[in-house]
Amino acid sequence: MMDWYIAMGAQLHEVDDATLINNMPSDLVWNPINSNPNVRVVVDGNSTFILHPVKQENNWYVGYAIEQVVNIGQGNAVYRYHPNNNSPTIWNNDDSTIIADLRNTSKFNKKAW
């Protein structure tokens, strides 16, 4: 993991997605098309969240999320959420808890995509 951190210039939250993924260690348990558990979709008002799981110490957590905000007639926006540290959000939490955690800046970092 430290090699990955160093390869990112110690700036994991600042690099683009391609650089992050291309330098990801092969032994990290992460897969954007993981089927165990499946990707999860949560709708909250004008926002649709696509949640991707990550396994940490034999438990599943929200690894990262993509939010698309649709405001009919006003435009759309897409955001990427990733945890500030290890994910604090258990995968099986109810939708409202997950959304609250994603919007909590002490837990997740939100970046325009």
PDB file of N, CA and C in Angstrom:
ATOM      1  N   MET A   1       0.807  -1.179   0.000  1.00  0.00           N
ATOM      2  CA  MET A   1       0.000   0.000   0.000  1.00  0.00           C
ATOM      3  C   MET A   1       0.864   1.262   0.000  1.00  0.00           C
ATOM      4  N   MET A   2       1.958   1.231   0.723  1.00  0.00           N
ATOM      5  CA  MET A   2       2.828   2.402   0.789  1.00  0.00           C
ATOM      6  C   MET A   2       3.399   2.730  -0.588  1.00  0.00           C
ATOM      7  N   ASP A   3       3.718   1.700  -1.400  1.00  0.00           N
ATOM      8  CA  ASP A   3       4.211   1.940  -2.761  1.00  0.00           C
ATOM      9  C   ASP A   3       3.184   2.705  -3.586  1.00  0.00           C
ATOM     10  N   TRP A   4       1.934   2.337  -3.425  1.00  0.00           N
ATOM     11  CA  TRP A   4       0.843   2.999  -4.148  1.00  0.00           C
ATOM     12  C   TRP A   4       0.762   4.456  -3.711  1.00  0.00           C
ATOM     13  N   TYR A   5       0.818   4.677  -2.431  1.00  0.00           N
ATOM     14  CA  TYR A   5       0.752   6.031  -1.878  1.00  0.00           C
ATOM     15  C   TYR A   5       1.905   6.892  -2.416  1.00  0.00           C
ATOM     16  N   ILE A   6       3.104   6.326  -2.443  1.00  0.00           N
ATOM     17  CA  ILE A   6       4.277   7.043  -2.946  1.00  0.00           C
ATOM     18  C   ILE A   6       4.145   7.310  -4.449  1.00  0.00           C
ATOM     19  N   ALA A   7       3.626   6.310  -5.206  1.00  0.00           N
ATOM     20  CA  ALA A   7       3.442   6.480  -6.655  1.00  0.00           C
ATOM     21  C   ALA A   7       2.466   7.621  -6.961  1.00  0.00           C
ATOM     22  N   MET A   8       1.556   7.893  -6.056  1.00  0.00           N
ATOM     23  CA  MET A   8       0.597   8.984  -6.237  1.00  0.00           C
ATOM     24  C   MET A   8       1.163  10.307  -5.743  1.00  0.00           C
ATOM     25  N   GLY A   9       2.433  10.316  -5.359  1.00  0.00           N
ATOM     26  CA  GLY A   9       3.029  11.546  -4.841  1.00  0.00           C
ATOM     27  C   GLY A   9       2.431  11.933  -3.501  1.00  0.00           C
ATOM     28  N   ALA A  10       1.968  10.922  -2.753  1.00  0.00           N
ATOM     29  CA  ALA A  10       1.343  11.129  -1.439  1.00  0.00           C
ATOM     30  C   ALA A  10       0.084  11.993  -1.545  1.00  0.00           C
ATOM     31  N   GLN A  11      -0.559  11.971  -2.699  1.00  0.00           N
ATOM     32  CA  GLN A  11      -1.748  12.800  -2.938  1.00  0.00           C
ATOM     33  C   GLN A  11      -2.881  11.959  -3.517  1.00  0.00           C
ATOM     34  N   LEU A  12      -3.304  10.916  -2.824  1.00  0.00           N
ATOM     35  CA  LEU A  12      -4.334  10.019  -3.348  1.00  0.00           C
ATOM     36  C   LEU A  12      -5.623  10.743  -3.726  1.00  0.00           C
ATOM     37  N   HIS A  13      -5.962  11.808  -3.023  1.00  0.00           N
ATOM     38  CA  HIS A  13      -7.231  12.488  -3.263  1.00  0.00           C
ATOM     39  C   HIS A  13      -7.143  13.557  -4.345  1.00  0.00           C
ATOM     40  N   GLU A  14      -5.956  13.762  -4.904  1.00  0.00           N
ATOM     41  CA  GLU A  14      -5.775  14.832  -5.889  1.00  0.00           C
ATOM     42  C   GLU A  14      -5.544  14.330  -7.305  1.00  0.00           C
ATOM     43  N   VAL A  15      -5.195  13.054  -7.475  1.00  0.00           N
ATOM     44  CA  VAL A  15      -4.856  12.544  -8.811  1.00  0.00           C
ATOM     45  C   VAL A  15      -6.119  12.192  -9.593  1.00  0.00           C
ATOM     46  N   ASP A  16      -5.985  12.106 -10.909  1.00  0.00           N
ATOM     47  CA  ASP A  16      -7.116  11.739 -11.749  1.00  0.00           C
ATOM     48  C   ASP A  16      -7.391  10.241 -11.622  1.00  0.00           C
ATOM     49  N   ASP A  17      -8.582   9.829 -12.024  1.00  0.00           N
ATOM     50  CA  ASP A  17      -9.002   8.435 -11.883  1.00  0.00           C
ATOM     51  C   ASP A  17      -8.074   7.465 -12.599  1.00  0.00           C
ATOM     52  N   ALA A  18      -7.673   7.784 -13.823  1.00  0.00           N
ATOM     53  CA  ALA A  18      -6.828   6.873 -14.603  1.00  0.00           C
ATOM     54  C   ALA A  18      -5.502   6.611 -13.897  1.00  0.00           C
ATOM     55  N   THR A  19      -4.883   7.648 -13.373  1.00  0.00           N
ATOM     56  CA  THR A  19      -3.614   7.483 -12.652  1.00  0.00           C
ATOM     57  C   THR A  19      -3.816   6.644 -11.401  1.00  0.00           C
ATOM     58  N   LEU A  20      -4.875   6.914 -10.695  1.00  0.00           N
ATOM     59  CA  LEU A  20      -5.179   6.166  -9.478  1.00  0.00           C
ATOM     60  C   LEU A  20      -5.358   4.682  -9.776  1.00  0.00           C
ATOM     61  N   ILE A  21      -6.158   4.361 -10.767  1.00  0.00           N
ATOM     62  CA  ILE A  21      -6.440   2.965 -11.108  1.00  0.00           C
ATOM     63  C   ILE A  21      -5.217   2.288 -11.709  1.00  0.00           C
ATOM     64  N   ASN A  22      -4.484   2.970 -12.576  1.00  0.00           N
ATOM     65  CA  ASN A  22      -3.312   2.360 -13.214  1.00  0.00           C
ATOM     66  C   ASN A  22      -2.198   2.053 -12.226  1.00  0.00           C
ATOM     67  N   ASN A  23      -2.155   2.738 -11.111  1.00  0.00           N
ATOM     68  CA  ASN A  23      -1.122   2.506 -10.106  1.00  0.00           C
ATOM     69  C   ASN A  23      -1.616   1.696  -8.908  1.00  0.00           C
ATOM     70  N   MET A  24      -2.864   1.214  -8.980  1.00  0.00           N
ATOM     71  CA  MET A  24      -3.441   0.454  -7.887  1.00  0.00           C
ATOM     72  C   MET A  24      -2.720  -0.889  -7.737  1.00  0.00           C
ATOM     73  N   PRO A  25      -2.359  -1.285  -6.513  1.00  0.00           N
ATOM     74  CA  PRO A  25      -1.682  -2.567  -6.336  1.00  0.00           C
ATOM     75  C   PRO A  25      -2.586  -3.734  -6.723  1.00  0.00           C
ATOM     76  N   SER A  26      -1.997  -4.763  -7.303  1.00  0.00           N
ATOM     77  CA  SER A  26      -2.784  -5.898  -7.791  1.00  0.00           C
ATOM     78  C   SER A  26      -3.382  -6.724  -6.667  1.00  0.00           C
ATOM     79  N   ASP A  27      -2.861  -6.611  -5.450  1.00  0.00           N
ATOM     80  CA  ASP A  27      -3.384  -7.405  -4.350  1.00  0.00           C
ATOM     81  C   ASP A  27      -4.486  -6.700  -3.563  1.00  0.00           C
ATOM     82  N   LEU A  28      -4.863  -5.496  -3.980  1.00  0.00           N
ATOM     83  CA  LEU A  28      -5.929  -4.769  -3.313  1.00  0.00           C
ATOM     84  C   LEU A  28      -7.267  -5.385  -3.707  1.00  0.00           C
ATOM     85  N   VAL A  29      -8.138  -5.656  -2.737  1.00  0.00           N
ATOM     86  CA  VAL A  29      -9.440  -6.251  -3.026  1.00  0.00           C
ATOM     87  C   VAL A  29     -10.386  -5.136  -3.438  1.00  0.00           C
ATOM     88  N   TRP A  30     -10.442  -4.899  -4.745  1.00  0.00           N
ATOM     89  CA  TRP A  30     -11.289  -3.844  -5.302  1.00  0.00           C
ATOM     90  C   TRP A  30     -11.575  -4.197  -6.742  1.00  0.00           C
ATOM     91  N   ASN A  31     -12.773  -3.973  -7.183  1.00  0.00           N
ATOM     92  CA  ASN A  31     -13.136  -4.273  -8.549  1.00  0.00           C
ATOM     93  C   ASN A  31     -14.349  -3.437  -8.912  1.00  0.00           C
ATOM     94  N   PRO A  32     -14.241  -2.552  -9.909  1.00  0.00           N
ATOM     95  CA  PRO A  32     -15.378  -1.691 -10.236  1.00  0.00           C
ATOM     96  C   PRO A  32     -16.581  -2.438 -10.792  1.00  0.00           C
ATOM     97  N   ILE A  33     -16.419  -3.687 -11.186  1.00  0.00           N
ATOM     98  CA  ILE A  33     -17.557  -4.489 -11.644  1.00  0.00           C
ATOM     99  C   ILE A  33     -17.743  -5.699 -10.747  1.00  0.00           C
ATOM    100  N   ASN A  34     -17.417  -5.516  -9.469  1.00  0.00           N
ATOM    101  CA  ASN A  34     -17.521  -6.581  -8.489  1.00  0.00           C
ATOM    102  C   ASN A  34     -18.954  -7.105  -8.433  1.00  0.00           C
ATOM    103  N   SER A  35     -19.115  -8.410  -8.358  1.00  0.00           N
ATOM    104  CA  SER A  35     -20.457  -8.987  -8.312  1.00  0.00           C
ATOM    105  C   SER A  35     -20.746  -9.638  -6.963  1.00  0.00           C
ATOM    106  N   ASN A  36     -19.910  -9.426  -5.985  1.00  0.00           N
ATOM    107  CA  ASN A  36     -20.135 -10.033  -4.682  1.00  0.00           C
ATOM    108  C   ASN A  36     -19.676  -9.083  -3.594  1.00  0.00           C
ATOM    109  N   PRO A  37     -20.467  -8.190  -3.086  1.00  0.00           N
ATOM    110  CA  PRO A  37     -21.855  -7.925  -3.462  1.00  0.00           C
ATOM    111  C   PRO A  37     -21.951  -7.088  -4.738  1.00  0.00           C
ATOM    112  N   ASN A  38     -23.149  -7.041  -5.280  1.00  0.00           N
ATOM    113  CA  ASN A  38     -23.378  -6.258  -6.496  1.00  0.00           C
ATOM    114  C   ASN A  38     -23.273  -4.769  -6.227  1.00  0.00           C
ATOM    115  N   VAL A  39     -22.985  -4.022  -7.275  1.00  0.00           N
ATOM    116  CA  VAL A  39     -23.051  -2.562  -7.206  1.00  0.00           C
ATOM    117  C   VAL A  39     -24.468  -2.192  -6.777  1.00  0.00           C
ATOM    118  N   ARG A  40     -24.586  -1.152  -5.996  1.00  0.00           N
ATOM    119  CA  ARG A  40     -25.878  -0.764  -5.417  1.00  0.00           C
ATOM    120  C   ARG A  40     -26.268   0.621  -5.916  1.00  0.00           C
ATOM    121  N   VAL A  41     -27.547   0.821  -6.187  1.00  0.00           N
ATOM    122  CA  VAL A  41     -28.049   2.121  -6.653  1.00  0.00           C
ATOM    123  C   VAL A  41     -29.014   2.668  -5.599  1.00  0.00           C
ATOM    124  N   VAL A  42     -28.794   3.936  -5.222  1.00  0.00           N
ATOM    125  CA  VAL A  42     -29.643   4.608  -4.241  1.00  0.00           C
ATOM    126  C   VAL A  42     -30.082   5.936  -4.843  1.00  0.00           C
ATOM    127  N   VAL A  43     -31.383   6.233  -4.758  1.00  0.00           N
ATOM    128  CA  VAL A  43     -31.920   7.492  -5.264  1.00  0.00           C
ATOM    129  C   VAL A  43     -32.311   8.359  -4.075  1.00  0.00           C
ATOM    130  N   ASP A  44     -31.885   9.623  -4.117  1.00  0.00           N
ATOM    131  CA  ASP A  44     -32.200  10.586  -3.066  1.00  0.00           C
ATOM    132  C   ASP A  44     -32.531  11.917  -3.729  1.00  0.00           C
ATOM    133  N   GLY A  45     -33.797  12.231  -3.848  1.00  0.00           N
ATOM    134  CA  GLY A  45     -34.214  13.472  -4.502  1.00  0.00           C
ATOM    135  C   GLY A  45     -33.788  13.491  -5.955  1.00  0.00           C
ATOM    136  N   ASN A  46     -33.041  14.520  -6.371  1.00  0.00           N
ATOM    137  CA  ASN A  46     -32.551  14.635  -7.747  1.00  0.00           C
ATOM    138  C   ASN A  46     -31.257  13.868  -7.983  1.00  0.00           C
ATOM    139  N   SER A  47     -30.769  13.173  -6.967  1.00  0.00           N
ATOM    140  CA  SER A  47     -29.481  12.477  -7.060  1.00  0.00           C
ATOM    141  C   SER A  47     -29.654  10.965  -7.151  1.00  0.00           C
ATOM    142  N   THR A  48     -28.871  10.365  -8.029  1.00  0.00           N
ATOM    143  CA  THR A  48     -28.760   8.917  -8.108  1.00  0.00           C
ATOM    144  C   THR A  48     -27.324   8.566  -7.769  1.00  0.00           C
ATOM    145  N   PHE A  49     -27.158   7.713  -6.774  1.00  0.00           N
ATOM    146  CA  PHE A  49     -25.832   7.283  -6.331  1.00  0.00           C
ATOM    147  C   PHE A  49     -25.593   5.847  -6.789  1.00  0.00           C
ATOM    148  N   ILE A  50     -24.430   5.597  -7.344  1.00  0.00           N
ATOM    149  CA  ILE A  50     -23.997   4.242  -7.678  1.00  0.00           C
ATOM    150  C   ILE A  50     -22.878   3.915  -6.697  1.00  0.00           C
ATOM    151  N   LEU A  51     -23.112   2.930  -5.849  1.00  0.00           N
ATOM    152  CA  LEU A  51     -22.183   2.578  -4.784  1.00  0.00           C
ATOM    153  C   LEU A  51     -21.386   1.341  -5.176  1.00  0.00           C
ATOM    154  N   HIS A  52     -20.079   1.394  -4.929  1.00  0.00           N
ATOM    155  CA  HIS A  52     -19.188   0.273  -5.231  1.00  0.00           C
ATOM    156  C   HIS A  52     -18.615  -0.261  -3.925  1.00  0.00           C
ATOM    157  N   PRO A  53     -18.648  -1.590  -3.747  1.00  0.00           N
ATOM    158  CA  PRO A  53     -18.184  -2.177  -2.486  1.00  0.00           C
ATOM    159  C   PRO A  53     -16.672  -2.334  -2.423  1.00  0.00           C
ATOM    160  N   VAL A  54     -16.162  -2.414  -1.198  1.00  0.00           N
ATOM    161  CA  VAL A  54     -14.765  -2.739  -0.949  1.00  0.00           C
ATOM    162  C   VAL A  54     -14.734  -3.641   0.286  1.00  0.00           C
ATOM    163  N   LYS A  55     -13.837  -4.616   0.265  1.00  0.00           N
ATOM    164  CA  LYS A  55     -13.717  -5.529   1.398  1.00  0.00           C
ATOM    165  C   LYS A  55     -12.561  -5.082   2.277  1.00  0.00           C
ATOM    166  N   GLN A  56     -12.868  -4.871   3.550  1.00  0.00           N
ATOM    167  CA  GLN A  56     -11.867  -4.466   4.530  1.00  0.00           C
ATOM    168  C   GLN A  56     -11.954  -5.440   5.697  1.00  0.00           C
ATOM    169  N   GLU A  57     -10.876  -6.181   5.943  1.00  0.00           N
ATOM    170  CA  GLU A  57     -10.818  -7.120   7.057  1.00  0.00           C
ATOM    171  C   GLU A  57     -12.050  -8.029   7.115  1.00  0.00           C
ATOM    172  N   ASN A  58     -12.377  -8.667   5.987  1.00  0.00           N
ATOM    173  CA  ASN A  58     -13.491  -9.619   5.859  1.00  0.00           C
ATOM    174  C   ASN A  58     -14.882  -9.021   6.010  1.00  0.00           C
ATOM    175  N   ASN A  59     -15.004  -7.707   5.926  1.00  0.00           N
ATOM    176  CA  ASN A  59     -16.309  -7.059   5.957  1.00  0.00           C
ATOM    177  C   ASN A  59     -16.444  -6.150   4.743  1.00  0.00           C
ATOM    178  N   TRP A  60     -17.678  -6.019   4.240  1.00  0.00           N
ATOM    179  CA  TRP A  60     -17.935  -5.173   3.081  1.00  0.00           C
ATOM    180  C   TRP A  60     -18.335  -3.774   3.510  1.00  0.00           C
ATOM    181  N   TYR A  61     -17.759  -2.780   2.843  1.00  0.00           N
ATOM    182  CA  TYR A  61     -18.008  -1.369   3.099  1.00  0.00           C
ATOM    183  C   TYR A  61     -18.261  -0.659   1.774  1.00  0.00           C
ATOM    184  N   VAL A  62     -18.744   0.584   1.848  1.00  0.00           N
ATOM    185  CA  VAL A  62     -18.858   1.418   0.650  1.00  0.00           C
ATOM    186  C   VAL A  62     -17.444   1.862   0.298  1.00  0.00           C
ATOM    187  N   GLY A  63     -16.946   1.414  -0.858  1.00  0.00           N
ATOM    188  CA  GLY A  63     -15.595   1.746  -1.281  1.00  0.00           C
ATOM    189  C   GLY A  63     -15.510   3.118  -1.923  1.00  0.00           C
ATOM    190  N   TYR A  64     -16.388   3.359  -2.872  1.00  0.00           N
ATOM    191  CA  TYR A  64     -16.504   4.684  -3.478  1.00  0.00           C
ATOM    192  C   TYR A  64     -17.889   4.798  -4.084  1.00  0.00           C
ATOM    193  N   ALA A  65     -18.294   6.005  -4.420  1.00  0.00           N
ATOM    194  CA  ALA A  65     -19.627   6.225  -4.979  1.00  0.00           C
ATOM    195  C   ALA A  65     -19.550   7.267  -6.081  1.00  0.00           C
ATOM    196  N   ILE A  66     -20.485   7.168  -6.991  1.00  0.00           N
ATOM    197  CA  ILE A  66     -20.648   8.160  -8.053  1.00  0.00           C
ATOM    198  C   ILE A  66     -22.069   8.705  -7.909  1.00  0.00           C
ATOM    199  N   GLU A  67     -22.182  10.026  -7.916  1.00  0.00           N
ATOM    200  CA  GLU A  67     -23.484  10.682  -7.817  1.00  0.00           C
ATOM    201  C   GLU A  67     -23.757  11.447  -9.098  1.00  0.00           C
ATOM    202  N   GLN A  68     -24.944  11.247  -9.651  1.00  0.00           N
ATOM    203  CA  GLN A  68     -25.377  12.082 -10.765  1.00  0.00           C
ATOM    204  C   GLN A  68     -26.585  12.875 -10.290  1.00  0.00           C
ATOM    205  N   VAL A  69     -26.448  14.197 -10.382  1.00  0.00           N
ATOM    206  CA  VAL A  69     -27.519  15.098  -9.996  1.00  0.00           C
ATOM    207  C   VAL A  69     -28.184  15.576 -11.277  1.00  0.00           C
ATOM    208  N   VAL A  70     -29.497  15.370 -11.369  1.00  0.00           N
ATOM    209  CA  VAL A  70     -30.242  15.759 -12.562  1.00  0.00           C
ATOM    210  C   VAL A  70     -31.260  16.830 -12.177  1.00  0.00           C
ATOM    211  N   ASN A  71     -31.069  18.005 -12.724  1.00  0.00           N
ATOM    212  CA  ASN A  71     -32.008  19.115 -12.536  1.00  0.00           C
ATOM    213  C   ASN A  71     -32.594  19.436 -13.910  1.00  0.00           C
ATOM    214  N   ILE A  72     -33.766  18.917 -14.174  1.00  0.00           N
ATOM    215  CA  ILE A  72     -34.393  19.076 -15.482  1.00  0.00           C
ATOM    216  C   ILE A  72     -34.447  20.557 -15.855  1.00  0.00           C
ATOM    217  N   GLY A  73     -33.916  20.870 -17.030  1.00  0.00           N
ATOM    218  CA  GLY A  73     -33.900  22.230 -17.528  1.00  0.00           C
ATOM    219  C   GLY A  73     -32.796  23.101 -16.950  1.00  0.00           C
ATOM    220  N   GLN A  74     -32.041  22.574 -15.982  1.00  0.00           N
ATOM    221  CA  GLN A  74     -30.988  23.370 -15.358  1.00  0.00           C
ATOM    222  C   GLN A  74     -29.611  22.732 -15.502  1.00  0.00           C
ATOM    223  N   GLY A  75     -29.541  21.547 -16.053  1.00  0.00           N
ATOM    224  CA  GLY A  75     -28.255  20.888 -16.234  1.00  0.00           C
ATOM    225  C   GLY A  75     -28.030  19.755 -15.250  1.00  0.00           C
ATOM    226  N   ASN A  76     -26.971  19.014 -15.490  1.00  0.00           N
ATOM    227  CA  ASN A  76     -26.621  17.855 -14.675  1.00  0.00           C
ATOM    228  C   ASN A  76     -25.213  18.021 -14.128  1.00  0.00           C
ATOM    229  N   ALA A  77     -24.913  17.261 -13.090  1.00  0.00           N
ATOM    230  CA  ALA A  77     -23.561  17.253 -12.519  1.00  0.00           C
ATOM    231  C   ALA A  77     -23.239  15.832 -12.075  1.00  0.00           C
ATOM    232  N   VAL A  78     -21.958  15.479 -12.146  1.00  0.00           N
ATOM    233  CA  VAL A  78     -21.503  14.161 -11.700  1.00  0.00           C
ATOM    234  C   VAL A  78     -20.389  14.364 -10.692  1.00  0.00           C
ATOM    235  N   TYR A  79     -20.467  13.609  -9.588  1.00  0.00           N
ATOM    236  CA  TYR A  79     -19.479  13.709  -8.517  1.00  0.00           C
ATOM    237  C   TYR A  79     -18.968  12.317  -8.147  1.00  0.00           C
ATOM    238  N   ARG A  80     -17.742  12.287  -7.651  1.00  0.00           N
ATOM    239  CA  ARG A  80     -17.127  11.042  -7.171  1.00  0.00           C
ATOM    240  C   ARG A  80     -16.864  11.223  -5.679  1.00  0.00           C
ATOM    241  N   TYR A  81     -17.227  10.213  -4.899  1.00  0.00           N
ATOM    242  CA  TYR A  81     -16.985  10.217  -3.456  1.00  0.00           C
ATOM    243  C   TYR A  81     -16.020   9.090  -3.124  1.00  0.00           C
ATOM    244  N   HIS A  82     -15.015   9.385  -2.327  1.00  0.00           N
ATOM    245  CA  HIS A  82     -14.135   8.335  -1.820  1.00  0.00           C
ATOM    246  C   HIS A  82     -13.823   8.649  -0.359  1.00  0.00           C
ATOM    247  N   PRO A  83     -13.620   7.591   0.443  1.00  0.00           N
ATOM    248  CA  PRO A  83     -13.413   7.814   1.869  1.00  0.00           C
ATOM    249  C   PRO A  83     -12.118   8.574   2.141  1.00  0.00           C
ATOM    250  N   ASN A  84     -12.133   9.364   3.195  1.00  0.00           N
ATOM    251  CA  ASN A  84     -10.937  10.105   3.589  1.00  0.00           C
ATOM    252  C   ASN A  84      -9.851   9.163   4.102  1.00  0.00           C
ATOM    253  N   ASN A  85     -10.223   8.064   4.693  1.00  0.00           N
ATOM    254  CA  ASN A  85      -9.313   7.026   5.174  1.00  0.00           C
ATOM    255  C   ASN A  85      -9.934   5.699   4.764  1.00  0.00           C
ATOM    256  N   ASN A  86      -9.826   4.674   5.592  1.00  0.00           N
ATOM    257  CA  ASN A  86     -10.569   3.450   5.316  1.00  0.00           C
ATOM    258  C   ASN A  86     -12.051   3.781   5.404  1.00  0.00           C
ATOM    259  N   SER A  87     -12.839   3.117   4.594  1.00  0.00           N
ATOM    260  CA  SER A  87     -14.260   3.437   4.570  1.00  0.00           C
ATOM    261  C   SER A  87     -14.908   3.154   5.918  1.00  0.00           C
ATOM    262  N   PRO A  88     -15.659   4.123   6.451  1.00  0.00           N
ATOM    263  CA  PRO A  88     -16.351   3.921   7.715  1.00  0.00           C
ATOM    264  C   PRO A  88     -17.774   3.388   7.536  1.00  0.00           C
ATOM    265  N   THR A  89     -18.219   3.237   6.287  1.00  0.00           N
ATOM    266  CA  THR A  89     -19.633   2.985   6.017  1.00  0.00           C
ATOM    267  C   THR A  89     -19.870   1.527   5.644  1.00  0.00           C
ATOM    268  N   ILE A  90     -20.547   0.827   6.515  1.00  0.00           N
ATOM    269  CA  ILE A  90     -20.848  -0.589   6.304  1.00  0.00           C
ATOM    270  C   ILE A  90     -21.812  -0.734   5.132  1.00  0.00           C
ATOM    271  N   TRP A  91     -21.524  -1.684   4.261  1.00  0.00           N
ATOM    272  CA  TRP A  91     -22.282  -1.893   3.030  1.00  0.00           C
ATOM    273  C   TRP A  91     -23.762  -2.130   3.290  1.00  0.00           C
ATOM    274  N   ASN A  92     -24.104  -2.860   4.329  1.00  0.00           N
ATOM    275  CA  ASN A  92     -25.503  -3.232   4.579  1.00  0.00           C
ATOM    276  C   ASN A  92     -26.298  -2.179   5.337  1.00  0.00           C
ATOM    277  N   ASN A  93     -25.719  -0.999   5.565  1.00  0.00           N
ATOM    278  CA  ASN A  93     -26.485   0.086   6.190  1.00  0.00           C
ATOM    279  C   ASN A  93     -27.670   0.457   5.312  1.00  0.00           C
ATOM    280  N   ASP A  94     -28.685   1.062   5.929  1.00  0.00           N
ATOM    281  CA  ASP A  94     -29.833   1.508   5.142  1.00  0.00           C
ATOM    282  C   ASP A  94     -29.430   2.703   4.266  1.00  0.00           C
ATOM    283  N   ASP A  95     -30.228   2.951   3.240  1.00  0.00           N
ATOM    284  CA  ASP A  95     -29.910   3.996   2.250  1.00  0.00           C
ATOM    285  C   ASP A  95     -29.673   5.361   2.885  1.00  0.00           C
ATOM    286  N   SER A  96     -30.518   5.755   3.824  1.00  0.00           N
ATOM    287  CA  SER A  96     -30.390   7.100   4.403  1.00  0.00           C
ATOM    288  C   SER A  96     -29.094   7.248   5.199  1.00  0.00           C
ATOM    289  N   THR A  97     -28.643   6.193   5.864  1.00  0.00           N
ATOM    290  CA  THR A  97     -27.370   6.244   6.600  1.00  0.00           C
ATOM    291  C   THR A  97     -26.203   6.375   5.635  1.00  0.00           C
ATOM    292  N   ILE A  98     -26.261   5.637   4.540  1.00  0.00           N
ATOM    293  CA  ILE A  98     -25.181   5.708   3.547  1.00  0.00           C
ATOM    294  C   ILE A  98     -25.119   7.109   2.926  1.00  0.00           C
ATOM    295  N   ILE A  99     -26.262   7.667   2.558  1.00  0.00           N
ATOM    296  CA  ILE A  99     -26.291   9.008   1.967  1.00  0.00           C
ATOM    297  C   ILE A  99     -25.756  10.041   2.966  1.00  0.00           C
ATOM    298  N   ALA A 100     -26.155   9.928   4.221  1.00  0.00           N
ATOM    299  CA  ALA A 100     -25.663  10.855   5.249  1.00  0.00           C
ATOM    300  C   ALA A 100     -24.151  10.739   5.401  1.00  0.00           C
ATOM    301  N   ASP A 101     -23.624   9.510   5.377  1.00  0.00           N
ATOM    302  CA  ASP A 101     -22.173   9.319   5.475  1.00  0.00           C
ATOM    303  C   ASP A 101     -21.447   9.906   4.268  1.00  0.00           C
ATOM    304  N   LEU A 102     -21.989   9.690   3.063  1.00  0.00           N
ATOM    305  CA  LEU A 102     -21.349  10.233   1.866  1.00  0.00           C
ATOM    306  C   LEU A 102     -21.283  11.753   1.922  1.00  0.00           C
ATOM    307  N   ARG A 103     -22.295  12.383   2.457  1.00  0.00           N
ATOM    308  CA  ARG A 103     -22.349  13.848   2.515  1.00  0.00           C
ATOM    309  C   ARG A 103     -21.592  14.420   3.718  1.00  0.00           C
ATOM    310  N   ASN A 104     -21.097  13.539   4.579  1.00  0.00           N
ATOM    311  CA  ASN A 104     -20.323  13.966   5.750  1.00  0.00           C
ATOM    312  C   ASN A 104     -18.868  14.128   5.326  1.00  0.00           C
ATOM    313  N   THR A 105     -18.387  15.363   5.262  1.00  0.00           N
ATOM    314  CA  THR A 105     -17.046  15.631   4.743  1.00  0.00           C
ATOM    315  C   THR A 105     -15.925  15.089   5.636  1.00  0.00           C
ATOM    316  N   SER A 106     -16.238  14.721   6.866  1.00  0.00           N
ATOM    317  CA  SER A 106     -15.209  14.095   7.705  1.00  0.00           C
ATOM    318  C   SER A 106     -15.039  12.613   7.347  1.00  0.00           C
ATOM    319  N   LYS A 107     -15.996  12.062   6.601  1.00  0.00           N
ATOM    320  CA  LYS A 107     -15.927  10.649   6.217  1.00  0.00           C
ATOM    321  C   LYS A 107     -15.576  10.445   4.744  1.00  0.00           C
ATOM    322  N   PHE A 108     -16.163  11.275   3.855  1.00  0.00           N
ATOM    323  CA  PHE A 108     -15.951  11.121   2.423  1.00  0.00           C
ATOM    324  C   PHE A 108     -15.553  12.440   1.779  1.00  0.00           C
ATOM    325  N   ASN A 109     -14.742  12.344   0.745  1.00  0.00           N
ATOM    326  CA  ASN A 109     -14.308  13.481  -0.050  1.00  0.00           C
ATOM    327  C   ASN A 109     -15.144  13.493  -1.335  1.00  0.00           C
ATOM    328  N   LYS A 110     -15.727  14.624  -1.659  1.00  0.00           N
ATOM    329  CA  LYS A 110     -16.554  14.772  -2.863  1.00  0.00           C
ATOM    330  C   LYS A 110     -15.778  15.582  -3.893  1.00  0.00           C
ATOM    331  N   LYS A 111     -15.698  15.060  -5.102  1.00  0.00           N
ATOM    332  CA  LYS A 111     -14.946  15.740  -6.156  1.00  0.00           C
ATOM    333  C   LYS A 111     -15.782  15.737  -7.446  1.00  0.00           C
ATOM    334  N   ALA A 112     -15.870  16.881  -8.093  1.00  0.00           N
ATOM    335  CA  ALA A 112     -16.578  16.956  -9.380  1.00  0.00           C
ATOM    336  C   ALA A 112     -15.857  16.086 -10.392  1.00  0.00           C
ATOM    337  N   TRP A 113     -16.627  15.440 -11.238  1.00  0.00           N
ATOM    338  CA  TRP A 113     -16.039  14.534 -12.208  1.00  0.00           C
ATOM    339  C   TRP A 113     -16.123  15.130 -13.581  1.00  0.00           C
TER     340      TRP A 113
END
